[in-house]
Protein backbone atom coordinates (compact mmCIF):
# COMPACT_ATOMS: atom_id res chain seq x y z
CA MET A 1 23.58 -11.60 15.74
CA ARG A 2 21.51 -12.29 12.61
CA TYR A 3 21.96 -10.31 9.40
CA LYS A 4 19.21 -7.68 9.08
CA VAL A 5 17.60 -6.70 5.77
CA LEU A 6 14.85 -4.26 4.80
CA ILE A 7 13.01 -5.18 1.59
CA THR A 8 10.77 -2.63 -0.14
CA GLY A 9 8.15 -4.03 -2.48
CA ALA A 10 8.20 -7.21 -0.39
CA THR A 11 4.83 -8.48 -1.64
CA GLY A 12 5.59 -7.99 -5.34
CA PHE A 13 6.71 -10.71 -7.74
CA VAL A 14 10.44 -10.19 -7.16
CA GLY A 15 9.89 -9.15 -3.55
CA GLN A 16 8.29 -12.47 -2.64
CA ALA A 17 11.31 -14.34 -4.02
CA VAL A 18 13.69 -12.08 -2.08
CA VAL A 19 11.67 -12.62 1.11
CA ASP A 20 11.84 -16.39 0.55
CA ALA A 21 15.61 -16.24 -0.04
CA CYS A 22 16.17 -14.15 3.09
CA THR A 23 14.02 -16.52 5.13
CA GLU A 24 15.90 -19.57 3.82
CA ARG A 25 19.20 -17.94 4.82
CA GLU A 26 17.75 -17.14 8.25
CA PHE A 27 18.23 -13.39 7.81
CA ASP A 28 16.27 -11.14 10.11
CA TRP A 29 14.16 -9.16 7.63
CA ILE A 30 11.32 -6.68 7.51
CA GLY A 31 9.40 -5.72 4.41
CA GLN A 32 7.46 -2.79 3.03
CA THR A 33 4.38 -2.91 0.83
CA SER A 34 1.89 -0.36 -0.42
CA GLY A 35 -0.95 -2.79 0.25
CA PRO A 36 -2.04 -4.60 3.41
CA GLY A 37 0.86 -5.55 5.68
CA SER A 38 1.43 -8.50 7.98
CA THR A 39 3.56 -9.41 10.98
CA LYS A 40 6.89 -8.71 9.26
CA ILE A 41 5.63 -6.47 6.43
CA PHE A 42 4.58 -2.89 7.15
CA THR A 43 2.48 -0.64 4.93
CA ALA A 44 4.01 2.54 3.51
CA ASP A 45 2.63 4.45 0.54
CA LEU A 46 5.73 5.69 -1.28
CA SER A 47 3.70 8.22 -3.26
CA ALA A 48 3.88 10.35 -0.09
CA PRO A 49 6.86 11.12 2.13
CA PHE A 50 7.59 8.37 4.66
CA ASP A 51 9.76 8.55 7.77
CA TRP A 52 12.07 5.54 7.59
CA ALA A 53 13.92 6.42 10.83
CA ASP A 54 12.23 3.78 13.01
CA LYS A 55 12.56 1.02 10.38
CA LEU A 56 16.29 1.30 9.58
CA PRO A 57 18.25 1.11 12.86
CA GLY A 58 20.22 -2.14 12.87
CA ILE A 59 19.56 -2.83 9.18
CA ALA A 60 22.70 -3.98 7.32
CA THR A 61 21.24 -4.02 3.78
CA VAL A 62 18.32 -2.32 2.07
CA ILE A 63 16.95 -4.11 -0.99
CA HIS A 64 14.82 -1.50 -2.75
CA LEU A 65 12.39 -3.15 -5.16
CA ALA A 66 9.34 -0.91 -4.80
CA GLY A 67 8.42 1.30 -7.72
CA THR A 68 5.84 2.26 -10.29
CA ALA A 69 6.29 0.84 -13.77
CA HIS A 70 3.31 1.62 -16.01
CA VAL A 71 1.66 4.96 -16.72
CA PRO A 72 -0.26 6.24 -19.74
CA VAL A 73 2.03 8.23 -22.06
CA ASN A 74 0.02 11.48 -21.86
CA ASP A 75 -1.03 11.33 -18.20
CA GLU A 76 1.03 14.04 -16.49
CA GLN A 77 -0.48 13.36 -13.06
CA ALA A 78 0.51 9.68 -13.32
CA LYS A 79 4.01 10.71 -14.39
CA GLN A 80 4.30 12.97 -11.35
CA LYS A 81 3.27 10.10 -9.09
CA MET A 82 5.78 7.82 -10.84
CA HIS A 83 8.51 10.40 -10.24
CA ARG A 84 7.51 10.68 -6.58
CA VAL A 85 7.60 6.88 -6.07
CA ASN A 86 10.60 6.02 -8.25
CA VAL A 87 12.86 9.03 -7.70
CA ASP A 88 11.91 10.96 -4.57
CA ALA A 89 11.14 7.93 -2.41
CA THR A 90 14.43 6.30 -3.45
CA ALA A 91 16.37 9.44 -2.50
CA GLU A 92 14.56 9.71 0.84
CA LEU A 93 15.17 6.05 1.67
CA ALA A 94 18.85 6.39 0.74
CA ASN A 95 19.18 9.52 2.87
CA HIS A 96 17.70 7.75 5.90
CA ALA A 97 19.81 4.65 5.20
CA VAL A 98 23.00 6.73 5.28
CA LYS A 99 21.93 8.44 8.53
CA CYS A 100 21.13 5.08 10.15
CA GLY A 101 24.41 3.46 9.14
CA VAL A 102 23.12 0.97 6.58
CA SER A 103 26.17 -0.63 4.99
CA HIS A 104 24.73 -1.73 1.63
CA PHE A 105 21.89 -0.45 -0.55
CA ILE A 106 20.73 -2.68 -3.42
CA PHE A 107 18.52 -0.91 -5.95
CA VAL A 108 16.61 -2.79 -8.61
CA SER A 109 16.43 -0.38 -11.53
CA SER A 110 15.52 -1.29 -15.11
CA VAL A 111 17.15 -1.94 -18.46
CA ASN A 112 14.88 0.89 -19.60
CA SER A 113 17.14 3.32 -17.72
CA TYR A 114 19.92 2.25 -20.08
CA LEU A 115 17.65 2.82 -23.08
CA TYR A 116 16.88 6.30 -21.78
CA GLU A 117 20.55 6.99 -20.98
CA ARG A 118 21.58 6.07 -24.55
CA SER A 119 18.50 7.58 -26.29
CA LEU A 120 17.69 4.17 -27.73
CA PRO A 121 14.34 3.00 -29.11
CA GLY A 122 11.97 1.85 -26.40
CA ALA A 123 13.08 4.49 -23.89
CA SER A 124 10.19 5.80 -21.80
CA TYR A 125 9.34 8.07 -18.90
CA TYR A 126 9.72 4.98 -16.73
CA GLY A 127 13.33 4.64 -17.91
CA TYR A 128 13.90 8.31 -17.21
CA SER A 129 12.51 7.96 -13.68
CA LYS A 130 14.68 4.91 -12.95
CA LYS A 131 17.78 6.70 -14.28
CA MET A 132 16.99 9.71 -12.09
CA ALA A 133 16.50 7.37 -9.11
CA GLU A 134 19.93 5.81 -9.77
CA GLU A 135 21.52 9.26 -9.82
CA ALA A 136 19.69 10.37 -6.66
CA LEU A 137 20.77 7.20 -4.84
CA LEU A 138 24.41 7.64 -5.85
CA ALA A 139 24.33 11.30 -4.78
CA GLU A 140 22.90 10.41 -1.35
CA ALA A 141 25.47 7.65 -0.84
CA ALA A 142 28.50 9.64 -2.08
CA GLY A 143 31.18 9.82 0.58
CA SER A 144 29.07 8.01 3.17
CA GLY A 145 30.72 4.60 3.11
CA MET A 146 27.41 2.95 2.18
CA ALA A 147 27.99 0.53 -0.71
CA VAL A 148 25.51 0.79 -3.58
CA THR A 149 24.59 -1.92 -6.05
CA ILE A 150 22.33 -1.02 -8.96
CA LEU A 151 20.77 -3.90 -10.86
CA ARG A 152 19.40 -3.27 -14.32
């Protein structure tokens, strides 16, 4: 049986490289994008709740790359959407991953979460949202047996 991976943000800059690496290793993978999909890449807008239940059965590893990075400093509506995509969608995906028996969840966070965590110069709402996503992911995975890797 081939190793199965779900990749969010599969059409992004990093996502394309991850898709290529999974293909080279002959992993069985599916991807998510917010834009137009394809044969192996489905469309899911993470700014709204998404039911992952039919995408996760049999998946060994989730590689969660999708997120929102840039919003105007004073745009509260954009910040709310960023929170929805970066924090809430991460928690929902982790919750479904635990329920479906995913063994490993890899989350690509940001060095900005460290800046926020330490109140260092350069910290932003983006860093806050990534830090909150890290915490939500760890809370969902706690006691489940699902391994979590957070990359900053």
